[in-house]
PDB file of all heavy atoms in Angstrom:
ATOM      1  N   ARG A   1       3.569  -5.495  -9.802  1.00  0.00           N
ATOM      2  CA  ARG A   1       3.447  -5.364  -8.351  1.00  0.00           C
ATOM      3  C   ARG A   1       4.217  -6.450  -7.597  1.00  0.00           C
ATOM      4  O   ARG A   1       4.699  -6.224  -6.487  1.00  0.00           O
ATOM      5  CB  ARG A   1       1.973  -5.385  -7.958  1.00  0.00           C
ATOM      6  CG  ARG A   1       1.214  -4.140  -8.480  1.00  0.00           C
ATOM      7  CD  ARG A   1      -0.142  -4.037  -7.830  1.00  0.00           C
ATOM      8  NE  ARG A   1      -0.977  -5.188  -8.123  1.00  0.00           N
ATOM      9  CZ  ARG A   1      -2.067  -5.519  -7.441  1.00  0.00           C
ATOM     10  NH1 ARG A   1      -2.446  -4.787  -6.404  1.00  0.00           N
ATOM     11  NH2 ARG A   1      -2.793  -6.575  -7.772  1.00  0.00           N
ATOM     12  N   ARG A   2       4.310  -7.632  -8.204  1.00  0.00           N
ATOM     13  CA  ARG A   2       5.092  -8.694  -7.553  1.00  0.00           C
ATOM     14  C   ARG A   2       6.546  -8.278  -7.416  1.00  0.00           C
ATOM     15  O   ARG A   2       7.147  -8.391  -6.347  1.00  0.00           O
ATOM     16  CB  ARG A   2       4.993  -9.983  -8.385  1.00  0.00           C
ATOM     17  CG  ARG A   2       5.781 -11.155  -7.796  1.00  0.00           C
ATOM     18  CD  ARG A   2       6.035 -12.224  -8.832  1.00  0.00           C
ATOM     19  NE  ARG A   2       6.815 -11.734  -9.944  1.00  0.00           N
ATOM     20  CZ  ARG A   2       8.145 -11.571  -9.905  1.00  0.00           C
ATOM     21  NH1 ARG A   2       8.819 -11.836  -8.798  1.00  0.00           N
ATOM     22  NH2 ARG A   2       8.792 -11.129 -10.962  1.00  0.00           N
ATOM     23  N   MET A   3       7.107  -7.765  -8.498  1.00  0.00           N
ATOM     24  CA  MET A   3       8.503  -7.341  -8.457  1.00  0.00           C
ATOM     25  C   MET A   3       8.678  -6.100  -7.589  1.00  0.00           C
ATOM     26  O   MET A   3       9.687  -5.935  -6.907  1.00  0.00           O
ATOM     27  CB  MET A   3       9.013  -7.074  -9.871  1.00  0.00           C
ATOM     28  CG  MET A   3      10.505  -6.827  -9.941  1.00  0.00           C
ATOM     29  SD  MET A   3      11.109  -6.706 -11.640  1.00  0.00           S
ATOM     30  CE  MET A   3      10.964  -8.425 -12.182  1.00  0.00           C
ATOM     31  N   GLU A   4       7.676  -5.231  -7.584  1.00  0.00           N
ATOM     32  CA  GLU A   4       7.737  -4.052  -6.720  1.00  0.00           C
ATOM     33  C   GLU A   4       7.812  -4.470  -5.250  1.00  0.00           C
ATOM     34  O   GLU A   4       8.594  -3.907  -4.464  1.00  0.00           O
ATOM     35  CB  GLU A   4       6.508  -3.172  -6.950  1.00  0.00           C
ATOM     36  CG  GLU A   4       6.503  -1.901  -6.112  1.00  0.00           C
ATOM     37  CD  GLU A   4       5.259  -1.062  -6.336  1.00  0.00           C
ATOM     38  OE1 GLU A   4       4.447  -1.409  -7.220  1.00  0.00           O
ATOM     39  OE2 GLU A   4       5.093  -0.053  -5.613  1.00  0.00           O
ATOM     40  N   ALA A   5       7.000  -5.451  -4.878  1.00  0.00           N
ATOM     41  CA  ALA A   5       7.026  -5.943  -3.494  1.00  0.00           C
ATOM     42  C   ALA A   5       8.386  -6.534  -3.154  1.00  0.00           C
ATOM     43  O   ALA A   5       8.915  -6.342  -2.050  1.00  0.00           O
ATOM     44  CB  ALA A   5       5.932  -6.986  -3.289  1.00  0.00           C
ATOM     45  N   GLU A   6       8.966  -7.255  -4.102  1.00  0.00           N
ATOM     46  CA  GLU A   6      10.285  -7.839  -3.886  1.00  0.00           C
ATOM     47  C   GLU A   6      11.336  -6.752  -3.666  1.00  0.00           C
ATOM     48  O   GLU A   6      12.183  -6.853  -2.762  1.00  0.00           O
ATOM     49  CB  GLU A   6      10.672  -8.693  -5.100  1.00  0.00           C
ATOM     50  CG  GLU A   6      12.049  -9.320  -5.022  1.00  0.00           C
ATOM     51  CD  GLU A   6      12.416 -10.038  -6.310  1.00  0.00           C
ATOM     52  OE1 GLU A   6      11.550 -10.734  -6.875  1.00  0.00           O
ATOM     53  OE2 GLU A   6      13.572  -9.888  -6.760  1.00  0.00           O
ATOM     54  N   ALA A   7      11.291  -5.708  -4.494  1.00  0.00           N
ATOM     55  CA  ALA A   7      12.265  -4.621  -4.370  1.00  0.00           C
ATOM     56  C   ALA A   7      12.082  -3.868  -3.052  1.00  0.00           C
ATOM     57  O   ALA A   7      13.054  -3.483  -2.400  1.00  0.00           O
ATOM     58  CB  ALA A   7      12.129  -3.670  -5.552  1.00  0.00           C
ATOM     59  N   LEU A   8      10.838  -3.648  -2.655  1.00  0.00           N
ATOM     60  CA  LEU A   8      10.573  -2.969  -1.385  1.00  0.00           C
ATOM     61  C   LEU A   8      11.106  -3.780  -0.204  1.00  0.00           C
ATOM     62  O   LEU A   8      11.708  -3.228   0.728  1.00  0.00           O
ATOM     63  CB  LEU A   8       9.074  -2.737  -1.218  1.00  0.00           C
ATOM     64  CG  LEU A   8       8.480  -1.613  -2.070  1.00  0.00           C
ATOM     65  CD1 LEU A   8       6.966  -1.713  -2.098  1.00  0.00           C
ATOM     66  CD2 LEU A   8       8.922  -0.254  -1.519  1.00  0.00           C
ATOM     67  N   TYR A   9      10.900  -5.087  -0.260  1.00  0.00           N
ATOM     68  CA  TYR A   9      11.419  -5.942   0.816  1.00  0.00           C
ATOM     69  C   TYR A   9      12.939  -5.859   0.883  1.00  0.00           C
ATOM     70  O   TYR A   9      13.522  -5.744   1.966  1.00  0.00           O
ATOM     71  CB  TYR A   9      10.984  -7.390   0.605  1.00  0.00           C
ATOM     72  CG  TYR A   9      11.676  -8.342   1.547  1.00  0.00           C
ATOM     73  CD1 TYR A   9      11.328  -8.390   2.892  1.00  0.00           C
ATOM     74  CD2 TYR A   9      12.712  -9.166   1.104  1.00  0.00           C
ATOM     75  CE1 TYR A   9      11.979  -9.249   3.768  1.00  0.00           C
ATOM     76  CE2 TYR A   9      13.365 -10.023   1.970  1.00  0.00           C
ATOM     77  CZ  TYR A   9      13.001 -10.054   3.303  1.00  0.00           C
ATOM     78  OH  TYR A   9      13.655 -10.883   4.173  1.00  0.00           O
ATOM     79  N   ARG A  10      13.593  -5.900  -0.277  1.00  0.00           N
ATOM     80  CA  ARG A  10      15.058  -5.836  -0.288  1.00  0.00           C
ATOM     81  C   ARG A  10      15.547  -4.513   0.279  1.00  0.00           C
ATOM     82  O   ARG A  10      16.509  -4.466   1.045  1.00  0.00           O
ATOM     83  CB  ARG A  10      15.564  -6.022  -1.719  1.00  0.00           C
ATOM     84  CG  ARG A  10      17.056  -6.175  -1.818  1.00  0.00           C
ATOM     85  CD  ARG A  10      17.550  -7.478  -1.210  1.00  0.00           C
ATOM     86  NE  ARG A  10      16.854  -8.602  -1.795  1.00  0.00           N
ATOM     87  CZ  ARG A  10      16.414  -9.653  -1.112  1.00  0.00           C
ATOM     88  NH1 ARG A  10      16.609  -9.723   0.186  1.00  0.00           N
ATOM     89  NH2 ARG A  10      15.800 -10.643  -1.705  1.00  0.00           N
ATOM     90  N   GLN A  11      14.849  -3.420  -0.062  1.00  0.00           N
ATOM     91  CA  GLN A  11      15.222  -2.131   0.502  1.00  0.00           C
ATOM     92  C   GLN A  11      15.042  -2.130   2.019  1.00  0.00           C
ATOM     93  O   GLN A  11      15.845  -1.542   2.753  1.00  0.00           O
ATOM     94  CB  GLN A  11      14.380  -1.016  -0.117  1.00  0.00           C
ATOM     95  CG  GLN A  11      14.800  -0.650  -1.533  1.00  0.00           C
ATOM     96  CD  GLN A  11      14.206   0.673  -1.984  1.00  0.00           C
ATOM     97  OE1 GLN A  11      13.123   1.057  -1.562  1.00  0.00           O
ATOM     98  NE2 GLN A  11      14.918   1.368  -2.844  1.00  0.00           N
ATOM     99  N   GLY A  12      13.981  -2.772   2.482  1.00  0.00           N
ATOM    100  CA  GLY A  12      13.759  -2.865   3.916  1.00  0.00           C
ATOM    101  C   GLY A  12      14.878  -3.612   4.618  1.00  0.00           C
ATOM    102  O   GLY A  12      15.337  -3.210   5.694  1.00  0.00           O
ATOM    103  N   GLU A  13      15.331  -4.710   4.011  1.00  0.00           N
ATOM    104  CA  GLU A  13      16.427  -5.486   4.597  1.00  0.00           C
ATOM    105  C   GLU A  13      17.687  -4.650   4.732  1.00  0.00           C
ATOM    106  O   GLU A  13      18.359  -4.668   5.767  1.00  0.00           O
ATOM    107  CB  GLU A  13      16.724  -6.711   3.710  1.00  0.00           C
ATOM    108  CG  GLU A  13      15.685  -7.797   3.773  1.00  0.00           C
ATOM    109  CD  GLU A  13      15.786  -8.579   5.075  1.00  0.00           C
ATOM    110  OE1 GLU A  13      16.555  -9.542   5.138  1.00  0.00           O
ATOM    111  OE2 GLU A  13      15.101  -8.205   6.045  1.00  0.00           O
ATOM    112  N   ILE A  14      18.024  -3.928   3.686  1.00  0.00           N
ATOM    113  CA  ILE A  14      19.242  -3.119   3.698  1.00  0.00           C
ATOM    114  C   ILE A  14      19.126  -1.998   4.721  1.00  0.00           C
ATOM    115  O   ILE A  14      20.058  -1.733   5.491  1.00  0.00           O
ATOM    116  CB  ILE A  14      19.530  -2.568   2.287  1.00  0.00           C
ATOM    117  CG1 ILE A  14      19.797  -3.728   1.321  1.00  0.00           C
ATOM    118  CG2 ILE A  14      20.720  -1.616   2.308  1.00  0.00           C
ATOM    119  CD1 ILE A  14      19.714  -3.349  -0.140  1.00  0.00           C
ATOM    120  N   ALA A  15      17.962  -1.333   4.755  1.00  0.00           N
ATOM    121  CA  ALA A  15      17.762  -0.261   5.726  1.00  0.00           C
ATOM    122  C   ALA A  15      17.845  -0.795   7.159  1.00  0.00           C
ATOM    123  O   ALA A  15      18.430  -0.154   8.039  1.00  0.00           O
ATOM    124  CB  ALA A  15      16.409   0.405   5.486  1.00  0.00           C
ATOM    125  N   ARG A  16      17.271  -1.967   7.392  1.00  0.00           N
ATOM    126  CA  ARG A  16      17.311  -2.543   8.746  1.00  0.00           C
ATOM    127  C   ARG A  16      18.737  -2.806   9.191  1.00  0.00           C
ATOM    128  O   ARG A  16      19.116  -2.506  10.332  1.00  0.00           O
ATOM    129  CB  ARG A  16      16.498  -3.841   8.784  1.00  0.00           C
ATOM    130  CG  ARG A  16      16.521  -4.537  10.139  1.00  0.00           C
ATOM    131  CD  ARG A  16      15.656  -5.778  10.136  1.00  0.00           C
ATOM    132  NE  ARG A  16      16.099  -6.769   9.175  1.00  0.00           N
ATOM    133  CZ  ARG A  16      17.105  -7.617   9.378  1.00  0.00           C
ATOM    134  NH1 ARG A  16      17.774  -7.587  10.528  1.00  0.00           N
ATOM    135  NH2 ARG A  16      17.428  -8.508   8.465  1.00  0.00           N
ATOM    136  N   LEU A  17      19.559  -3.335   8.304  1.00  0.00           N
ATOM    137  CA  LEU A  17      20.939  -3.632   8.658  1.00  0.00           C
ATOM    138  C   LEU A  17      21.765  -2.364   8.852  1.00  0.00           C
ATOM    139  O   LEU A  17      22.813  -2.397   9.491  1.00  0.00           O
ATOM    140  CB  LEU A  17      21.572  -4.526   7.597  1.00  0.00           C
ATOM    141  CG  LEU A  17      21.043  -5.959   7.593  1.00  0.00           C
ATOM    142  CD1 LEU A  17      21.570  -6.732   6.409  1.00  0.00           C
ATOM    143  CD2 LEU A  17      21.412  -6.671   8.884  1.00  0.00           C
ATOM    144  N   HIS A  18      21.292  -1.247   8.318  1.00  0.00           N
ATOM    145  CA  HIS A  18      21.933   0.047   8.559  1.00  0.00           C
ATOM    146  C   HIS A  18      21.325   0.759   9.767  1.00  0.00           C
ATOM    147  O   HIS A  18      21.657   1.918  10.017  1.00  0.00           O
ATOM    148  CB  HIS A  18      21.799   0.938   7.329  1.00  0.00           C
ATOM    149  CG  HIS A  18      22.832   0.656   6.292  1.00  0.00           C
ATOM    150  ND1 HIS A  18      22.764   1.157   5.010  1.00  0.00           N
ATOM    151  CD2 HIS A  18      23.962  -0.080   6.325  1.00  0.00           C
ATOM    152  CE1 HIS A  18      23.807   0.748   4.307  1.00  0.00           C
ATOM    153  NE2 HIS A  18      24.536  -0.010   5.085  1.00  0.00           N
ATOM    154  N   ALA A  19      20.418   0.064  10.467  1.00  0.00           N
ATOM    155  CA  ALA A  19      19.716   0.627  11.622  1.00  0.00           C
ATOM    156  C   ALA A  19      18.854   1.820  11.243  1.00  0.00           C
ATOM    157  O   ALA A  19      18.552   2.672  12.078  1.00  0.00           O
ATOM    158  CB  ALA A  19      20.705   1.019  12.724  1.00  0.00           C
ATOM    159  N   GLU A  20      18.438   1.892   9.979  1.00  0.00           N
ATOM    160  CA  GLU A  20      17.506   2.927   9.527  1.00  0.00           C
ATOM    161  C   GLU A  20      16.089   2.346   9.670  1.00  0.00           C
ATOM    162  O   GLU A  20      15.446   1.944   8.705  1.00  0.00           O
ATOM    163  CB  GLU A  20      17.821   3.309   8.082  1.00  0.00           C
ATOM    164  CG  GLU A  20      19.222   3.898   7.925  1.00  0.00           C
ATOM    165  CD  GLU A  20      19.648   4.030   6.472  1.00  0.00           C
ATOM    166  OE1 GLU A  20      18.915   3.554   5.577  1.00  0.00           O
ATOM    167  OE2 GLU A  20      20.737   4.591   6.229  1.00  0.00           O
ATOM    168  N   HIS A  21      15.630   2.300  10.907  1.00  0.00           N
ATOM    169  CA  HIS A  21      14.451   1.508  11.216  1.00  0.00           C
ATOM    170  C   HIS A  21      13.158   2.109  10.674  1.00  0.00           C
ATOM    171  O   HIS A  21      12.239   1.372  10.312  1.00  0.00           O
ATOM    172  CB  HIS A  21      14.366   1.290  12.730  1.00  0.00           C
ATOM    173  CG  HIS A  21      15.495   0.465  13.252  1.00  0.00           C
ATOM    174  ND1 HIS A  21      16.157   0.741  14.433  1.00  0.00           N
ATOM    175  CD2 HIS A  21      16.127  -0.614  12.723  1.00  0.00           C
ATOM    176  CE1 HIS A  21      17.118  -0.139  14.629  1.00  0.00           C
ATOM    177  NE2 HIS A  21      17.117  -0.969  13.607  1.00  0.00           N
ATOM    178  N   ASP A  22      13.079   3.430  10.617  1.00  0.00           N
ATOM    179  CA  ASP A  22      11.876   4.046  10.042  1.00  0.00           C
ATOM    180  C   ASP A  22      11.750   3.680   8.564  1.00  0.00           C
ATOM    181  O   ASP A  22      10.675   3.331   8.078  1.00  0.00           O
ATOM    182  CB  ASP A  22      11.923   5.564  10.209  1.00  0.00           C
ATOM    183  CG  ASP A  22      11.689   5.997  11.649  1.00  0.00           C
ATOM    184  OD1 ASP A  22      11.138   5.197  12.425  1.00  0.00           O
ATOM    185  OD2 ASP A  22      12.065   7.128  11.998  1.00  0.00           O
ATOM    186  N   ALA A  23      12.879   3.774   7.848  1.00  0.00           N
ATOM    187  CA  ALA A  23      12.869   3.431   6.423  1.00  0.00           C
ATOM    188  C   ALA A  23      12.567   1.949   6.228  1.00  0.00           C
ATOM    189  O   ALA A  23      11.819   1.567   5.317  1.00  0.00           O
ATOM    190  CB  ALA A  23      14.225   3.780   5.795  1.00  0.00           C
ATOM    191  N   ALA A  24      13.149   1.100   7.092  1.00  0.00           N
ATOM    192  CA  ALA A  24      12.896  -0.341   6.987  1.00  0.00           C
ATOM    193  C   ALA A  24      11.425  -0.644   7.238  1.00  0.00           C
ATOM    194  O   ALA A  24      10.798  -1.437   6.507  1.00  0.00           O
ATOM    195  CB  ALA A  24      13.773  -1.095   7.987  1.00  0.00           C
ATOM    196  N   LEU A  25      10.864  -0.008   8.261  1.00  0.00           N
ATOM    197  CA  LEU A  25       9.456  -0.227   8.595  1.00  0.00           C
ATOM    198  C   LEU A  25       8.554   0.168   7.428  1.00  0.00           C
ATOM    199  O   LEU A  25       7.614  -0.551   7.066  1.00  0.00           O
ATOM    200  CB  LEU A  25       9.092   0.578   9.843  1.00  0.00           C
ATOM    201  CG  LEU A  25       7.652   0.463  10.342  1.00  0.00           C
ATOM    202  CD1 LEU A  25       7.321  -0.961  10.747  1.00  0.00           C
ATOM    203  CD2 LEU A  25       7.427   1.416  11.524  1.00  0.00           C
ATOM    204  N   GLU A  26       8.856   1.300   6.805  1.00  0.00           N
ATOM    205  CA  GLU A  26       8.044   1.763   5.683  1.00  0.00           C
ATOM    206  C   GLU A  26       8.125   0.793   4.510  1.00  0.00           C
ATOM    207  O   GLU A  26       7.107   0.436   3.907  1.00  0.00           O
ATOM    208  CB  GLU A  26       8.508   3.155   5.253  1.00  0.00           C
ATOM    209  CG  GLU A  26       7.688   3.739   4.115  1.00  0.00           C
ATOM    210  CD  GLU A  26       8.130   5.131   3.718  1.00  0.00           C
ATOM    211  OE1 GLU A  26       9.049   5.669   4.368  1.00  0.00           O
ATOM    212  OE2 GLU A  26       7.564   5.670   2.749  1.00  0.00           O
ATOM    213  N   SER A  27       9.339   0.346   4.180  1.00  0.00           N
ATOM    214  CA  SER A  27       9.507  -0.561   3.039  1.00  0.00           C
ATOM    215  C   SER A  27       8.832  -1.903   3.299  1.00  0.00           C
ATOM    216  O   SER A  27       8.128  -2.441   2.433  1.00  0.00           O
ATOM    217  CB  SER A  27      10.998  -0.772   2.747  1.00  0.00           C
ATOM    218  OG  SER A  27      11.579   0.420   2.272  1.00  0.00           O
ATOM    219  N   TYR A  28       9.054  -2.472   4.491  1.00  0.00           N
ATOM    220  CA  TYR A  28       8.414  -3.754   4.824  1.00  0.00           C
ATOM    221  C   TYR A  28       6.890  -3.643   4.790  1.00  0.00           C
ATOM    222  O   TYR A  28       6.194  -4.541   4.313  1.00  0.00           O
ATOM    223  CB  TYR A  28       8.843  -4.216   6.214  1.00  0.00           C
ATOM    224  CG  TYR A  28      10.236  -4.771   6.336  1.00  0.00           C
ATOM    225  CD1 TYR A  28      10.998  -4.535   7.481  1.00  0.00           C
ATOM    226  CD2 TYR A  28      10.797  -5.555   5.340  1.00  0.00           C
ATOM    227  CE1 TYR A  28      12.269  -5.055   7.631  1.00  0.00           C
ATOM    228  CE2 TYR A  28      12.079  -6.080   5.475  1.00  0.00           C
ATOM    229  CZ  TYR A  28      12.805  -5.823   6.624  1.00  0.00           C
ATOM    230  OH  TYR A  28      14.062  -6.343   6.778  1.00  0.00           O
ATOM    231  N   SER A  29       6.367  -2.543   5.326  1.00  0.00           N
ATOM    232  CA  SER A  29       4.913  -2.368   5.389  1.00  0.00           C
ATOM    233  C   SER A  29       4.315  -2.252   3.997  1.00  0.00           C
ATOM    234  O   SER A  29       3.252  -2.827   3.709  1.00  0.00           O
ATOM    235  CB  SER A  29       4.568  -1.134   6.232  1.00  0.00           C
ATOM    236  OG  SER A  29       5.029  -1.284   7.561  1.00  0.00           O
ATOM    237  N   GLN A  30       4.991  -1.507   3.116  1.00  0.00           N
ATOM    238  CA  GLN A  30       4.507  -1.388   1.741  1.00  0.00           C
ATOM    239  C   GLN A  30       4.543  -2.747   1.036  1.00  0.00           C
ATOM    240  O   GLN A  30       3.623  -3.107   0.294  1.00  0.00           O
ATOM    241  CB  GLN A  30       5.352  -0.380   0.978  1.00  0.00           C
ATOM    242  CG  GLN A  30       5.157   1.063   1.418  1.00  0.00           C
ATOM    243  CD  GLN A  30       6.015   2.022   0.609  1.00  0.00           C
ATOM    244  OE1 GLN A  30       6.105   1.911  -0.612  1.00  0.00           O
ATOM    245  NE2 GLN A  30       6.658   2.948   1.287  1.00  0.00           N
ATOM    246  N   ALA A  31       5.646  -3.491   1.255  1.00  0.00           N
ATOM    247  CA  ALA A  31       5.753  -4.817   0.644  1.00  0.00           C
ATOM    248  C   ALA A  31       4.657  -5.738   1.162  1.00  0.00           C
ATOM    249  O   ALA A  31       4.042  -6.496   0.396  1.00  0.00           O
ATOM    250  CB  ALA A  31       7.131  -5.413   0.930  1.00  0.00           C
ATOM    251  N   LEU A  32       4.389  -5.673   2.462  1.00  0.00           N
ATOM    252  CA  LEU A  32       3.352  -6.510   3.063  1.00  0.00           C
ATOM    253  C   LEU A  32       1.984  -6.187   2.463  1.00  0.00           C
ATOM    254  O   LEU A  32       1.216  -7.101   2.106  1.00  0.00           O
ATOM    255  CB  LEU A  32       3.325  -6.298   4.577  1.00  0.00           C
ATOM    256  CG  LEU A  32       2.228  -7.044   5.344  1.00  0.00           C
ATOM    257  CD1 LEU A  32       2.396  -8.551   5.203  1.00  0.00           C
ATOM    258  CD2 LEU A  32       2.247  -6.636   6.821  1.00  0.00           C
ATOM    259  N   ALA A  33       1.675  -4.905   2.329  1.00  0.00           N
ATOM    260  CA  ALA A  33       0.377  -4.517   1.775  1.00  0.00           C
ATOM    261  C   ALA A  33       0.207  -5.035   0.348  1.00  0.00           C
ATOM    262  O   ALA A  33      -0.866  -5.546  -0.030  1.00  0.00           O
ATOM    263  CB  ALA A  33       0.235  -2.998   1.810  1.00  0.00           C
ATOM    264  N   LEU A  34       1.268  -4.922  -0.455  1.00  0.00           N
ATOM    265  CA  LEU A  34       1.212  -5.416  -1.833  1.00  0.00           C
ATOM    266  C   LEU A  34       1.001  -6.927  -1.864  1.00  0.00           C
ATOM    267  O   LEU A  34       0.172  -7.452  -2.620  1.00  0.00           O
ATOM    268  CB  LEU A  34       2.490  -5.053  -2.585  1.00  0.00           C
ATOM    269  CG  LEU A  34       2.557  -3.644  -3.185  1.00  0.00           C
ATOM    270  CD1 LEU A  34       3.939  -3.376  -3.744  1.00  0.00           C
ATOM    271  CD2 LEU A  34       1.523  -3.498  -4.299  1.00  0.00           C
ATOM    272  N   ASN A  35       1.751  -7.647  -1.041  1.00  0.00           N
ATOM    273  CA  ASN A  35       1.653  -9.107  -1.044  1.00  0.00           C
ATOM    274  C   ASN A  35       0.302  -9.577  -0.505  1.00  0.00           C
ATOM    275  O   ASN A  35      -0.213 -10.615  -0.939  1.00  0.00           O
ATOM    276  CB  ASN A  35       2.808  -9.713  -0.241  1.00  0.00           C
ATOM    277  CG  ASN A  35       4.117  -9.680  -1.020  1.00  0.00           C
ATOM    278  OD1 ASN A  35       4.140  -9.969  -2.210  1.00  0.00           O
ATOM    279  ND2 ASN A  35       5.204  -9.324  -0.353  1.00  0.00           N
ATOM    280  N   GLN A  36      -0.270  -8.835   0.427  1.00  0.00           N
ATOM    281  CA  GLN A  36      -1.609  -9.184   0.909  1.00  0.00           C
ATOM    282  C   GLN A  36      -2.641  -8.999  -0.203  1.00  0.00           C
ATOM    283  O   GLN A  36      -3.554  -9.816  -0.356  1.00  0.00           O
ATOM    284  CB  GLN A  36      -1.958  -8.339   2.133  1.00  0.00           C
ATOM    285  CG  GLN A  36      -1.217  -8.773   3.392  1.00  0.00           C
ATOM    286  CD  GLN A  36      -1.420  -7.820   4.555  1.00  0.00           C
ATOM    287  OE1 GLN A  36      -1.625  -6.616   4.367  1.00  0.00           O
ATOM    288  NE2 GLN A  36      -1.344  -8.342   5.771  1.00  0.00           N
ATOM    289  N   GLN A  37      -2.499  -7.937  -0.994  1.00  0.00           N
ATOM    290  CA  GLN A  37      -3.399  -7.733  -2.135  1.00  0.00           C
ATOM    291  C   GLN A  37      -3.267  -8.861  -3.152  1.00  0.00           C
ATOM    292  O   GLN A  37      -4.247  -9.292  -3.759  1.00  0.00           O
ATOM    293  CB  GLN A  37      -3.088  -6.397  -2.806  1.00  0.00           C
ATOM    294  CG  GLN A  37      -3.418  -5.167  -1.981  1.00  0.00           C
ATOM    295  CD  GLN A  37      -2.880  -3.893  -2.606  1.00  0.00           C
ATOM    296  OE1 GLN A  37      -2.575  -3.863  -3.801  1.00  0.00           O
ATOM    297  NE2 GLN A  37      -2.751  -2.844  -1.808  1.00  0.00           N
ATOM    298  N   LEU A  38      -2.021  -9.347  -3.316  1.00  0.00           N
ATOM    299  CA  LEU A  38      -1.753 -10.388  -4.306  1.00  0.00           C
ATOM    300  C   LEU A  38      -2.006 -11.793  -3.755  1.00  0.00           C
ATOM    301  O   LEU A  38      -1.965 -12.767  -4.513  1.00  0.00           O
ATOM    302  CB  LEU A  38      -0.304 -10.284  -4.791  1.00  0.00           C
ATOM    303  CG  LEU A  38       0.055  -8.982  -5.529  1.00  0.00           C
ATOM    304  CD1 LEU A  38       1.567  -8.870  -5.712  1.00  0.00           C
ATOM    305  CD2 LEU A  38      -0.636  -8.923  -6.889  1.00  0.00           C
ATOM    306  N   GLY A  39      -2.243 -11.888  -2.439  1.00  0.00           N
ATOM    307  CA  GLY A  39      -2.497 -13.191  -1.828  1.00  0.00           C
ATOM    308  C   GLY A  39      -1.281 -14.096  -1.802  1.00  0.00           C
ATOM    309  O   GLY A  39      -1.422 -15.327  -1.830  1.00  0.00           O
ATOM    310  N   ARG A  40      -0.100 -13.533  -1.712  1.00  0.00           N
ATOM    311  CA  ARG A  40       1.150 -14.327  -1.734  1.00  0.00           C
ATOM    312  C   ARG A  40       1.540 -14.652  -0.293  1.00  0.00           C
ATOM    313  O   ARG A  40       2.224 -13.884   0.386  1.00  0.00           O
ATOM    314  CB  ARG A  40       2.245 -13.551  -2.459  1.00  0.00           C
ATOM    315  CG  ARG A  40       1.851 -13.158  -3.878  1.00  0.00           C
ATOM    316  CD  ARG A  40       2.881 -12.240  -4.508  1.00  0.00           C
ATOM    317  NE  ARG A  40       4.085 -12.964  -4.914  1.00  0.00           N
ATOM    318  CZ  ARG A  40       5.309 -12.455  -4.835  1.00  0.00           C
ATOM    319  NH1 ARG A  40       5.509 -11.261  -4.326  1.00  0.00           N
ATOM    320  NH2 ARG A  40       6.338 -13.159  -5.249  1.00  0.00           N
ATOM    321  N   GLN A  41       1.102 -15.816   0.181  1.00  0.00           N
ATOM    322  CA  GLN A  41       1.233 -16.170   1.593  1.00  0.00           C
ATOM    323  C   GLN A  41       2.689 -16.297   2.043  1.00  0.00           C
ATOM    324  O   GLN A  41       3.052 -15.838   3.133  1.00  0.00           O
ATOM    325  CB  GLN A  41       0.482 -17.482   1.866  1.00  0.00           C
ATOM    326  CG  GLN A  41      -1.012 -17.399   1.587  1.00  0.00           C
ATOM    327  CD  GLN A  41      -1.695 -16.317   2.404  1.00  0.00           C
ATOM    328  OE1 GLN A  41      -1.622 -16.329   3.632  1.00  0.00           O
ATOM    329  NE2 GLN A  41      -2.348 -15.380   1.737  1.00  0.00           N
ATOM    330  N   ALA A  42       3.509 -16.907   1.228  1.00  0.00           N
ATOM    331  CA  ALA A  42       4.914 -17.084   1.610  1.00  0.00           C
ATOM    332  C   ALA A  42       5.595 -15.729   1.776  1.00  0.00           C
ATOM    333  O   ALA A  42       6.356 -15.510   2.734  1.00  0.00           O
ATOM    334  CB  ALA A  42       5.650 -17.914   0.564  1.00  0.00           C
ATOM    335  N   GLU A  43       5.317 -14.810   0.856  1.00  0.00           N
ATOM    336  CA  GLU A  43       5.943 -13.493   0.924  1.00  0.00           C
ATOM    337  C   GLU A  43       5.393 -12.681   2.089  1.00  0.00           C
ATOM    338  O   GLU A  43       6.104 -11.881   2.696  1.00  0.00           O
ATOM    339  CB  GLU A  43       5.739 -12.753  -0.401  1.00  0.00           C
ATOM    340  CG  GLU A  43       6.579 -13.282  -1.546  1.00  0.00           C
ATOM    341  CD  GLU A  43       6.098 -14.628  -2.073  1.00  0.00           C
ATOM    342  OE1 GLU A  43       4.941 -15.025  -1.786  1.00  0.00           O
ATOM    343  OE2 GLU A  43       6.893 -15.296  -2.766  1.00  0.00           O
ATOM    344  N   ILE A  44       4.108 -12.887   2.397  1.00  0.00           N
ATOM    345  CA  ILE A  44       3.534 -12.221   3.573  1.00  0.00           C
ATOM    346  C   ILE A  44       4.297 -12.638   4.830  1.00  0.00           C
ATOM    347  O   ILE A  44       4.638 -11.808   5.683  1.00  0.00           O
ATOM    348  CB  ILE A  44       2.035 -12.568   3.716  1.00  0.00           C
ATOM    349  CG1 ILE A  44       1.231 -11.893   2.598  1.00  0.00           C
ATOM    350  CG2 ILE A  44       1.504 -12.158   5.091  1.00  0.00           C
ATOM    351  CD1 ILE A  44      -0.208 -12.365   2.503  1.00  0.00           C
ATOM    352  N   ALA A  45       4.591 -13.926   4.941  1.00  0.00           N
ATOM    353  CA  ALA A  45       5.348 -14.421   6.096  1.00  0.00           C
ATOM    354  C   ALA A  45       6.731 -13.792   6.154  1.00  0.00           C
ATOM    355  O   ALA A  45       7.218 -13.423   7.235  1.00  0.00           O
ATOM    356  CB  ALA A  45       5.456 -15.944   6.031  1.00  0.00           C
ATOM    357  N   VAL A  46       7.362 -13.645   5.009  1.00  0.00           N
ATOM    358  CA  VAL A  46       8.690 -13.025   4.962  1.00  0.00           C
ATOM    359  C   VAL A  46       8.612 -11.578   5.436  1.00  0.00           C
ATOM    360  O   VAL A  46       9.454 -11.105   6.213  1.00  0.00           O
ATOM    361  CB  VAL A  46       9.268 -13.104   3.532  1.00  0.00           C
ATOM    362  CG1 VAL A  46      10.514 -12.233   3.397  1.00  0.00           C
ATOM    363  CG2 VAL A  46       9.613 -14.541   3.178  1.00  0.00           C
TER     364      VAL A  46
END
């Protein structure tokens, strides 16, 4: 799940830079939910 959150965040970054904001929002939100479950504060901030 840690690596999954990392991959989701990276996908969100790429989608955001392509102005694919719905896709970016979905990826960031999924990554945030995973990191909140894992208690990873630094990644939550990211």
